[in-house]
Amino acid sequence: MLSRIVIRVSGICSGAGIAVAAALLVYMVIHIILEIILRNFFASSTNSMGEYVGYATGAMAFMAMGHTFMSRKHVRVSLLRRFLKGKIAIAVELFCIVATFAMFAFMTRYIWLILMRDYTRGSVSPSLMATPTWYIDAALFAGLVIFLIQLVASAIDTVINGVPEEQIEGE
């Protein structure tokens, strides 16, 4: 019962993350087109395109990680998996998930510390726009939390259902 709830929550969070990532992609395209029009036809600029598109790119990548992992579209080296079956395959898969969780939990902790520091200090970017840096930190943190939730759900799914078969596109 609890396993289904965790897997369902991870699916909802991952879906929300990919929706935000898609919206950020649309935003970036619109901002770049606006900048092109302003520069070429009005000799003007938003003076923020490079900065905000950069922030959106980082946020988009982090927000999409959970969904990418859930749909098994991430880069994966499967050389060893071809030779492993049954409980050994499950053990190796769980080891990989736990190791990934540990590394990303470590990174998430430090992003959280940076987020809290930037928020309490009121830090802003050293640019014309003076964007509060905790906005960017919060987007990265949210994407990492979604990814960690997805890793937990994937570990639970692996224990219950085993290691899913590889689905290689193009074969």
N, C-alpha and C. Protein backbone atom coordinates (compact mmCIF):
# COMPACT_ATOMS: atom_id res chain seq x y z
N MET A 1 0.83 -1.19 0.00
CA MET A 1 0.00 0.00 0.00
C MET A 1 0.87 1.26 0.00
N LEU A 2 1.82 1.33 0.95
CA LEU A 2 2.71 2.48 1.03
C LEU A 2 3.55 2.59 -0.24
N SER A 3 3.94 1.43 -0.78
CA SER A 3 4.76 1.45 -2.00
C SER A 3 3.99 2.08 -3.16
N ARG A 4 2.71 1.76 -3.29
CA ARG A 4 1.91 2.36 -4.36
C ARG A 4 1.78 3.87 -4.18
N ILE A 5 1.64 4.31 -2.94
CA ILE A 5 1.53 5.74 -2.66
C ILE A 5 2.82 6.45 -3.05
N VAL A 6 3.97 5.89 -2.66
CA VAL A 6 5.26 6.51 -2.99
C VAL A 6 5.45 6.56 -4.51
N ILE A 7 5.13 5.47 -5.19
CA ILE A 7 5.28 5.43 -6.65
C ILE A 7 4.33 6.43 -7.30
N ARG A 8 3.11 6.54 -6.79
CA ARG A 8 2.14 7.51 -7.34
C ARG A 8 2.60 8.95 -7.10
N VAL A 9 3.07 9.25 -5.90
CA VAL A 9 3.56 10.60 -5.58
C VAL A 9 4.77 10.94 -6.46
N SER A 10 5.65 9.97 -6.67
CA SER A 10 6.82 10.22 -7.52
C SER A 10 6.40 10.51 -8.95
N GLY A 11 5.38 9.80 -9.42
CA GLY A 11 4.87 10.05 -10.77
C GLY A 11 4.28 11.45 -10.90
N ILE A 12 3.54 11.87 -9.89
CA ILE A 12 2.95 13.22 -9.90
C ILE A 12 4.05 14.28 -9.86
N CYS A 13 5.02 14.09 -8.97
CA CYS A 13 6.12 15.06 -8.86
C CYS A 13 6.93 15.11 -10.16
N SER A 14 7.23 13.95 -10.73
CA SER A 14 7.99 13.91 -11.97
C SER A 14 7.21 14.55 -13.11
N GLY A 15 5.91 14.32 -13.15
CA GLY A 15 5.06 14.95 -14.16
C GLY A 15 5.05 16.46 -14.01
N ALA A 16 4.98 16.93 -12.77
CA ALA A 16 5.02 18.38 -12.53
C ALA A 16 6.37 18.95 -12.95
N GLY A 17 7.44 18.23 -12.65
CA GLY A 17 8.78 18.69 -13.03
C GLY A 17 8.95 18.80 -14.53
N ILE A 18 8.45 17.81 -15.28
CA ILE A 18 8.60 17.87 -16.73
C ILE A 18 7.70 18.95 -17.32
N ALA A 19 6.56 19.20 -16.69
CA ALA A 19 5.69 20.29 -17.16
C ALA A 19 6.37 21.65 -16.97
N VAL A 20 7.02 21.83 -15.84
CA VAL A 20 7.76 23.07 -15.59
C VAL A 20 8.92 23.18 -16.59
N ALA A 21 9.61 22.07 -16.83
CA ALA A 21 10.72 22.08 -17.79
C ALA A 21 10.23 22.46 -19.19
N ALA A 22 9.09 21.93 -19.59
CA ALA A 22 8.52 22.26 -20.90
C ALA A 22 8.14 23.73 -20.97
N ALA A 23 7.54 24.24 -19.89
CA ALA A 23 7.16 25.66 -19.85
C ALA A 23 8.41 26.54 -19.92
N LEU A 24 9.49 26.13 -19.27
CA LEU A 24 10.74 26.90 -19.33
C LEU A 24 11.31 26.90 -20.75
N LEU A 25 11.18 25.78 -21.44
CA LEU A 25 11.65 25.73 -22.83
C LEU A 25 10.87 26.70 -23.70
N VAL A 26 9.56 26.74 -23.53
CA VAL A 26 8.72 27.69 -24.28
C VAL A 26 9.12 29.12 -23.93
N TYR A 27 9.31 29.38 -22.64
CA TYR A 27 9.75 30.72 -22.21
C TYR A 27 11.06 31.11 -22.90
N MET A 28 12.04 30.19 -22.92
CA MET A 28 13.34 30.52 -23.51
C MET A 28 13.20 30.86 -24.99
N VAL A 29 12.41 30.09 -25.71
CA VAL A 29 12.22 30.37 -27.13
C VAL A 29 11.58 31.74 -27.32
N ILE A 30 10.56 32.04 -26.55
CA ILE A 30 9.89 33.35 -26.66
C ILE A 30 10.84 34.49 -26.32
N HIS A 31 11.63 34.31 -25.26
CA HIS A 31 12.55 35.37 -24.86
C HIS A 31 13.62 35.60 -25.93
N ILE A 32 14.14 34.52 -26.50
CA ILE A 32 15.16 34.66 -27.54
C ILE A 32 14.58 35.33 -28.78
N ILE A 33 13.38 34.94 -29.18
CA ILE A 33 12.74 35.58 -30.33
C ILE A 33 12.48 37.06 -30.06
N LEU A 34 12.01 37.37 -28.86
CA LEU A 34 11.79 38.77 -28.49
C LEU A 34 13.09 39.57 -28.58
N GLU A 35 14.16 38.98 -28.08
CA GLU A 35 15.47 39.65 -28.11
C GLU A 35 15.92 39.89 -29.56
N ILE A 36 15.73 38.91 -30.42
CA ILE A 36 16.10 39.06 -31.83
C ILE A 36 15.30 40.19 -32.47
N ILE A 37 14.00 40.22 -32.23
CA ILE A 37 13.14 41.27 -32.79
C ILE A 37 13.55 42.65 -32.26
N LEU A 38 13.76 42.74 -30.97
CA LEU A 38 14.14 44.04 -30.39
C LEU A 38 15.47 44.54 -30.94
N ARG A 39 16.44 43.66 -31.05
CA ARG A 39 17.77 44.08 -31.53
C ARG A 39 17.75 44.44 -33.02
N ASN A 40 17.03 43.67 -33.82
CA ASN A 40 17.08 43.88 -35.27
C ASN A 40 16.13 44.97 -35.77
N PHE A 41 15.02 45.17 -35.11
CA PHE A 41 14.04 46.13 -35.62
C PHE A 41 13.91 47.40 -34.79
N PHE A 42 14.33 47.35 -33.53
CA PHE A 42 14.12 48.51 -32.67
C PHE A 42 15.40 49.02 -32.00
N ALA A 43 16.54 48.44 -32.35
CA ALA A 43 17.84 48.81 -31.77
C ALA A 43 17.76 48.89 -30.25
N SER A 44 17.10 47.89 -29.68
CA SER A 44 16.89 47.85 -28.23
C SER A 44 17.20 46.43 -27.75
N SER A 45 17.05 46.22 -26.45
CA SER A 45 17.31 44.90 -25.87
C SER A 45 16.59 44.78 -24.54
N THR A 46 16.34 43.55 -24.14
CA THR A 46 15.78 43.32 -22.81
C THR A 46 16.88 43.37 -21.75
N ASN A 47 18.12 43.28 -22.18
CA ASN A 47 19.28 43.28 -21.28
C ASN A 47 19.25 42.14 -20.26
N SER A 48 18.46 41.13 -20.53
CA SER A 48 18.36 40.03 -19.57
C SER A 48 18.35 38.67 -20.23
N MET A 49 18.38 38.63 -21.55
CA MET A 49 18.21 37.36 -22.25
C MET A 49 19.26 36.34 -21.84
N GLY A 50 20.51 36.69 -21.92
CA GLY A 50 21.57 35.74 -21.59
C GLY A 50 21.45 35.21 -20.17
N GLU A 51 21.19 36.11 -19.24
CA GLU A 51 21.08 35.72 -17.83
C GLU A 51 19.89 34.80 -17.59
N TYR A 52 18.71 35.21 -18.02
CA TYR A 52 17.50 34.44 -17.72
C TYR A 52 17.40 33.15 -18.51
N VAL A 53 17.87 33.15 -19.73
CA VAL A 53 17.87 31.91 -20.50
C VAL A 53 18.86 30.92 -19.87
N GLY A 54 19.96 31.42 -19.36
CA GLY A 54 20.90 30.55 -18.65
C GLY A 54 20.29 29.95 -17.40
N TYR A 55 19.60 30.77 -16.62
CA TYR A 55 18.93 30.25 -15.43
C TYR A 55 17.87 29.22 -15.81
N ALA A 56 17.10 29.52 -16.85
CA ALA A 56 16.03 28.61 -17.27
C ALA A 56 16.61 27.29 -17.78
N THR A 57 17.75 27.33 -18.44
CA THR A 57 18.38 26.11 -18.93
C THR A 57 18.77 25.20 -17.77
N GLY A 58 19.39 25.79 -16.76
CA GLY A 58 19.75 25.00 -15.58
C GLY A 58 18.53 24.44 -14.87
N ALA A 59 17.53 25.27 -14.66
CA ALA A 59 16.31 24.83 -13.99
C ALA A 59 15.61 23.75 -14.81
N MET A 60 15.57 23.91 -16.12
CA MET A 60 14.91 22.94 -16.99
C MET A 60 15.59 21.57 -16.88
N ALA A 61 16.90 21.56 -16.89
CA ALA A 61 17.64 20.29 -16.81
C ALA A 61 17.35 19.58 -15.48
N PHE A 62 17.38 20.33 -14.39
CA PHE A 62 17.15 19.71 -13.09
C PHE A 62 15.70 19.28 -12.90
N MET A 63 14.76 20.08 -13.38
CA MET A 63 13.34 19.75 -13.22
C MET A 63 12.95 18.52 -14.05
N ALA A 64 13.67 18.25 -15.11
CA ALA A 64 13.34 17.11 -15.99
C ALA A 64 13.98 15.80 -15.55
N MET A 65 14.90 15.83 -14.61
CA MET A 65 15.64 14.61 -14.25
C MET A 65 14.73 13.50 -13.73
N GLY A 66 13.78 13.83 -12.88
CA GLY A 66 12.90 12.80 -12.32
C GLY A 66 12.10 12.08 -13.40
N HIS A 67 11.51 12.84 -14.30
CA HIS A 67 10.71 12.24 -15.38
C HIS A 67 11.59 11.43 -16.33
N THR A 68 12.78 11.94 -16.61
CA THR A 68 13.70 11.22 -17.49
C THR A 68 14.07 9.88 -16.88
N PHE A 69 14.32 9.86 -15.58
CA PHE A 69 14.66 8.60 -14.91
C PHE A 69 13.45 7.67 -14.86
N MET A 70 12.27 8.22 -14.56
CA MET A 70 11.06 7.41 -14.47
C MET A 70 10.75 6.73 -15.80
N SER A 71 10.93 7.46 -16.90
CA SER A 71 10.61 6.91 -18.21
C SER A 71 11.79 6.15 -18.82
N ARG A 72 12.87 6.02 -18.05
CA ARG A 72 14.06 5.26 -18.44
C ARG A 72 14.68 5.79 -19.74
N LYS A 73 14.72 7.10 -19.86
CA LYS A 73 15.30 7.74 -21.04
C LYS A 73 16.68 8.34 -20.74
N HIS A 74 17.19 8.08 -19.55
CA HIS A 74 18.49 8.61 -19.17
C HIS A 74 19.61 7.79 -19.81
N VAL A 75 20.80 8.36 -19.83
CA VAL A 75 21.95 7.64 -20.35
C VAL A 75 22.27 6.52 -19.37
N ARG A 76 22.37 5.32 -19.88
CA ARG A 76 22.55 4.16 -19.02
C ARG A 76 23.52 3.19 -19.67
N VAL A 77 24.50 2.77 -18.92
CA VAL A 77 25.45 1.78 -19.43
C VAL A 77 24.96 0.42 -18.98
N SER A 78 24.61 -0.41 -19.95
CA SER A 78 23.95 -1.69 -19.64
C SER A 78 24.83 -2.90 -19.97
N LEU A 79 26.12 -2.72 -20.06
CA LEU A 79 26.98 -3.84 -20.42
C LEU A 79 26.86 -4.99 -19.42
N LEU A 80 26.90 -4.67 -18.16
CA LEU A 80 26.85 -5.68 -17.11
C LEU A 80 25.46 -6.31 -17.00
N ARG A 81 24.43 -5.53 -17.20
CA ARG A 81 23.07 -6.01 -17.03
C ARG A 81 22.71 -7.14 -17.98
N ARG A 82 23.31 -7.18 -19.13
CA ARG A 82 22.99 -8.22 -20.11
C ARG A 82 23.35 -9.61 -19.60
N PHE A 83 24.31 -9.67 -18.69
CA PHE A 83 24.78 -10.95 -18.19
C PHE A 83 24.17 -11.32 -16.84
N LEU A 84 23.42 -10.43 -16.24
CA LEU A 84 22.86 -10.67 -14.92
C LEU A 84 21.37 -10.96 -15.00
N LYS A 85 20.93 -11.91 -14.23
CA LYS A 85 19.51 -12.27 -14.19
C LYS A 85 19.09 -12.47 -12.74
N GLY A 86 17.81 -12.38 -12.50
CA GLY A 86 17.23 -12.70 -11.19
C GLY A 86 17.66 -11.78 -10.07
N LYS A 87 17.97 -12.40 -8.92
CA LYS A 87 18.28 -11.63 -7.72
C LYS A 87 19.59 -10.85 -7.82
N ILE A 88 20.53 -11.37 -8.59
CA ILE A 88 21.79 -10.65 -8.76
C ILE A 88 21.53 -9.35 -9.52
N ALA A 89 20.69 -9.42 -10.55
CA ALA A 89 20.34 -8.21 -11.31
C ALA A 89 19.64 -7.20 -10.42
N ILE A 90 18.75 -7.68 -9.55
CA ILE A 90 18.05 -6.78 -8.62
C ILE A 90 19.04 -6.14 -7.66
N ALA A 91 19.97 -6.93 -7.15
CA ALA A 91 20.97 -6.41 -6.21
C ALA A 91 21.84 -5.34 -6.86
N VAL A 92 22.28 -5.58 -8.09
CA VAL A 92 23.10 -4.60 -8.79
C VAL A 92 22.30 -3.33 -9.08
N GLU A 93 21.05 -3.49 -9.50
CA GLU A 93 20.18 -2.34 -9.77
C GLU A 93 19.97 -1.52 -8.50
N LEU A 94 19.70 -2.19 -7.38
CA LEU A 94 19.51 -1.48 -6.12
C LEU A 94 20.78 -0.79 -5.66
N PHE A 95 21.91 -1.43 -5.86
CA PHE A 95 23.18 -0.79 -5.51
C PHE A 95 23.37 0.50 -6.31
N CYS A 96 23.08 0.43 -7.60
CA CYS A 96 23.22 1.62 -8.45
C CYS A 96 22.26 2.73 -8.02
N ILE A 97 21.04 2.36 -7.68
CA ILE A 97 20.06 3.35 -7.25
C ILE A 97 20.49 3.98 -5.92
N VAL A 98 20.94 3.15 -4.98
CA VAL A 98 21.37 3.67 -3.67
C VAL A 98 22.60 4.56 -3.81
N ALA A 99 23.56 4.16 -4.65
CA ALA A 99 24.75 4.98 -4.86
C ALA A 99 24.37 6.33 -5.49
N THR A 100 23.48 6.27 -6.46
CA THR A 100 23.01 7.51 -7.11
C THR A 100 22.29 8.38 -6.10
N PHE A 101 21.43 7.76 -5.28
CA PHE A 101 20.71 8.51 -4.25
C PHE A 101 21.68 9.20 -3.30
N ALA A 102 22.71 8.47 -2.86
CA ALA A 102 23.68 9.04 -1.92
C ALA A 102 24.39 10.26 -2.52
N MET A 103 24.82 10.14 -3.78
CA MET A 103 25.52 11.26 -4.42
C MET A 103 24.60 12.47 -4.61
N PHE A 104 23.38 12.21 -5.05
CA PHE A 104 22.47 13.33 -5.28
C PHE A 104 21.91 13.91 -3.98
N ALA A 105 21.79 13.09 -2.94
CA ALA A 105 21.38 13.61 -1.64
C ALA A 105 22.45 14.54 -1.08
N PHE A 106 23.70 14.15 -1.28
CA PHE A 106 24.83 15.01 -0.87
C PHE A 106 24.75 16.36 -1.59
N MET A 107 24.54 16.31 -2.90
CA MET A 107 24.45 17.55 -3.68
C MET A 107 23.22 18.36 -3.26
N THR A 108 22.10 17.69 -3.01
CA THR A 108 20.88 18.37 -2.60
C THR A 108 21.08 19.10 -1.28
N ARG A 109 21.79 18.47 -0.36
CA ARG A 109 22.06 19.10 0.92
C ARG A 109 22.81 20.42 0.73
N TYR A 110 23.82 20.41 -0.12
CA TYR A 110 24.59 21.63 -0.33
C TYR A 110 23.83 22.69 -1.11
N ILE A 111 23.00 22.27 -2.03
CA ILE A 111 22.15 23.25 -2.72
C ILE A 111 21.19 23.88 -1.71
N TRP A 112 20.67 23.08 -0.78
CA TRP A 112 19.79 23.61 0.28
C TRP A 112 20.53 24.64 1.13
N LEU A 113 21.75 24.33 1.52
CA LEU A 113 22.54 25.27 2.32
C LEU A 113 22.80 26.57 1.56
N ILE A 114 23.10 26.46 0.27
CA ILE A 114 23.30 27.65 -0.56
C ILE A 114 22.00 28.43 -0.68
N LEU A 115 20.90 27.72 -0.89
CA LEU A 115 19.58 28.36 -0.99
C LEU A 115 19.27 29.15 0.28
N MET A 116 19.46 28.55 1.43
CA MET A 116 19.17 29.23 2.70
C MET A 116 20.10 30.43 2.90
N ARG A 117 21.38 30.27 2.57
CA ARG A 117 22.33 31.38 2.70
C ARG A 117 21.94 32.54 1.79
N ASP A 118 21.65 32.22 0.52
CA ASP A 118 21.29 33.29 -0.42
C ASP A 118 19.98 33.97 -0.02
N TYR A 119 19.04 33.21 0.50
CA TYR A 119 17.76 33.79 0.91
C TYR A 119 17.93 34.72 2.12
N THR A 120 18.65 34.23 3.13
CA THR A 120 18.80 35.05 4.35
C THR A 120 19.66 36.28 4.10
N ARG A 121 20.63 36.19 3.23
CA ARG A 121 21.49 37.35 2.93
C ARG A 121 20.87 38.29 1.90
N GLY A 122 19.85 37.81 1.21
CA GLY A 122 19.25 38.63 0.16
C GLY A 122 20.17 38.80 -1.04
N SER A 123 20.96 37.76 -1.33
CA SER A 123 21.92 37.83 -2.43
C SER A 123 21.23 38.01 -3.78
N VAL A 124 21.85 38.82 -4.62
CA VAL A 124 21.34 39.02 -5.98
C VAL A 124 22.47 38.79 -6.96
N SER A 125 22.09 38.51 -8.21
CA SER A 125 23.09 38.27 -9.24
C SER A 125 23.85 39.58 -9.54
N PRO A 126 25.13 39.45 -9.91
CA PRO A 126 25.92 40.66 -10.20
C PRO A 126 25.70 41.12 -11.64
N SER A 127 24.46 41.40 -11.96
CA SER A 127 24.13 41.82 -13.33
C SER A 127 23.20 43.02 -13.27
N LEU A 128 22.86 43.51 -14.42
CA LEU A 128 21.97 44.66 -14.52
C LEU A 128 20.60 44.36 -13.91
N MET A 129 20.15 43.13 -14.02
CA MET A 129 18.83 42.75 -13.54
C MET A 129 18.79 42.52 -12.03
N ALA A 130 19.91 42.24 -11.39
CA ALA A 130 20.00 41.99 -9.95
C ALA A 130 18.93 41.00 -9.48
N THR A 131 18.91 39.84 -10.12
CA THR A 131 17.95 38.79 -9.79
C THR A 131 18.32 38.13 -8.46
N PRO A 132 17.36 37.95 -7.56
CA PRO A 132 17.67 37.21 -6.32
C PRO A 132 18.16 35.80 -6.67
N THR A 133 19.33 35.45 -6.16
CA THR A 133 19.92 34.16 -6.54
C THR A 133 19.20 32.97 -5.91
N TRP A 134 18.42 33.21 -4.88
CA TRP A 134 17.72 32.07 -4.28
C TRP A 134 16.65 31.53 -5.22
N TYR A 135 16.19 32.31 -6.19
CA TYR A 135 15.23 31.79 -7.18
C TYR A 135 15.84 30.61 -7.93
N ILE A 136 17.07 30.80 -8.37
CA ILE A 136 17.75 29.76 -9.13
C ILE A 136 18.04 28.57 -8.24
N ASP A 137 18.52 28.84 -7.03
CA ASP A 137 18.79 27.77 -6.07
C ASP A 137 17.53 26.95 -5.80
N ALA A 138 16.40 27.62 -5.66
CA ALA A 138 15.14 26.93 -5.37
C ALA A 138 14.73 26.02 -6.52
N ALA A 139 14.93 26.46 -7.74
CA ALA A 139 14.59 25.62 -8.90
C ALA A 139 15.47 24.38 -8.95
N LEU A 140 16.77 24.55 -8.71
CA LEU A 140 17.68 23.40 -8.69
C LEU A 140 17.31 22.45 -7.56
N PHE A 141 17.03 23.01 -6.39
CA PHE A 141 16.66 22.20 -5.23
C PHE A 141 15.39 21.40 -5.50
N ALA A 142 14.39 22.05 -6.08
CA ALA A 142 13.13 21.36 -6.38
C ALA A 142 13.36 20.21 -7.35
N GLY A 143 14.15 20.44 -8.38
CA GLY A 143 14.45 19.38 -9.34
C GLY A 143 15.18 18.22 -8.69
N LEU A 144 16.11 18.52 -7.80
CA LEU A 144 16.85 17.46 -7.10
C LEU A 144 15.94 16.66 -6.17
N VAL A 145 15.04 17.34 -5.47
CA VAL A 145 14.10 16.63 -4.58
C VAL A 145 13.19 15.71 -5.40
N ILE A 146 12.71 16.19 -6.53
CA ILE A 146 11.89 15.35 -7.40
C ILE A 146 12.67 14.12 -7.84
N PHE A 147 13.93 14.32 -8.21
CA PHE A 147 14.77 13.20 -8.63
C PHE A 147 14.98 12.21 -7.49
N LEU A 148 15.23 12.70 -6.28
CA LEU A 148 15.42 11.80 -5.13
C LEU A 148 14.15 10.99 -4.85
N ILE A 149 13.00 11.64 -4.93
CA ILE A 149 11.73 10.92 -4.74
C ILE A 149 11.59 9.83 -5.80
N GLN A 150 11.96 10.15 -7.03
CA GLN A 150 11.88 9.17 -8.11
C GLN A 150 12.83 8.01 -7.88
N LEU A 151 14.00 8.27 -7.34
CA LEU A 151 14.94 7.20 -7.02
C LEU A 151 14.38 6.25 -5.96
N VAL A 152 13.74 6.81 -4.94
CA VAL A 152 13.12 5.98 -3.91
C VAL A 152 12.02 5.11 -4.53
N ALA A 153 11.19 5.72 -5.36
CA ALA A 153 10.11 4.96 -6.02
C ALA A 153 10.68 3.88 -6.92
N SER A 154 11.76 4.18 -7.60
CA SER A 154 12.39 3.19 -8.48
C SER A 154 12.96 2.03 -7.69
N ALA A 155 13.54 2.32 -6.54
CA ALA A 155 14.06 1.25 -5.68
C ALA A 155 12.93 0.36 -5.19
N ILE A 156 11.82 0.96 -4.77
CA ILE A 156 10.66 0.19 -4.32
C ILE A 156 10.12 -0.66 -5.46
N ASP A 157 10.01 -0.08 -6.64
CA ASP A 157 9.50 -0.81 -7.80
C ASP A 157 10.43 -1.97 -8.17
N THR A 158 11.73 -1.77 -8.04
CA THR A 158 12.69 -2.83 -8.34
C THR A 158 12.55 -3.98 -7.36
N VAL A 159 12.35 -3.67 -6.08
CA VAL A 159 12.18 -4.72 -5.08
C VAL A 159 10.89 -5.52 -5.34
N ILE A 160 9.83 -4.81 -5.70
CA ILE A 160 8.53 -5.46 -5.90
C ILE A 160 8.45 -6.20 -7.23
N ASN A 161 8.88 -5.53 -8.31
CA ASN A 161 8.67 -6.07 -9.66
C ASN A 161 9.93 -6.55 -10.37
N GLY A 162 11.08 -6.38 -9.75
CA GLY A 162 12.32 -6.77 -10.40
C GLY A 162 12.83 -5.67 -11.31
N VAL A 163 13.88 -5.99 -12.04
CA VAL A 163 14.52 -5.03 -12.93
C VAL A 163 13.77 -5.04 -14.27
N PRO A 164 13.32 -3.87 -14.71
CA PRO A 164 12.61 -3.85 -16.00
C PRO A 164 13.55 -4.18 -17.16
N GLU A 165 12.99 -4.78 -18.19
CA GLU A 165 13.76 -5.12 -19.37
C GLU A 165 14.21 -3.84 -20.08
N GLU A 166 15.38 -3.92 -20.67
CA GLU A 166 15.88 -2.78 -21.45
C GLU A 166 15.04 -2.62 -22.71
N GLN A 167 14.66 -1.41 -23.01
CA GLN A 167 13.94 -1.11 -24.24
C GLN A 167 14.81 -0.18 -25.06
N ILE A 168 15.51 -0.76 -26.02
CA ILE A 168 16.42 0.01 -26.84
C ILE A 168 15.68 0.44 -28.09
N GLU A 169 15.60 1.75 -28.29
CA GLU A 169 14.90 2.26 -29.46
C GLU A 169 15.75 2.04 -30.70
N GLY A 170 15.09 1.73 -31.80
CA GLY A 170 15.79 1.56 -33.06
C GLY A 170 16.18 0.13 -33.37
N GLU A 171 15.93 -0.79 -32.47
CA GLU A 171 16.27 -2.19 -32.74
C GLU A 171 15.04 -2.98 -33.08
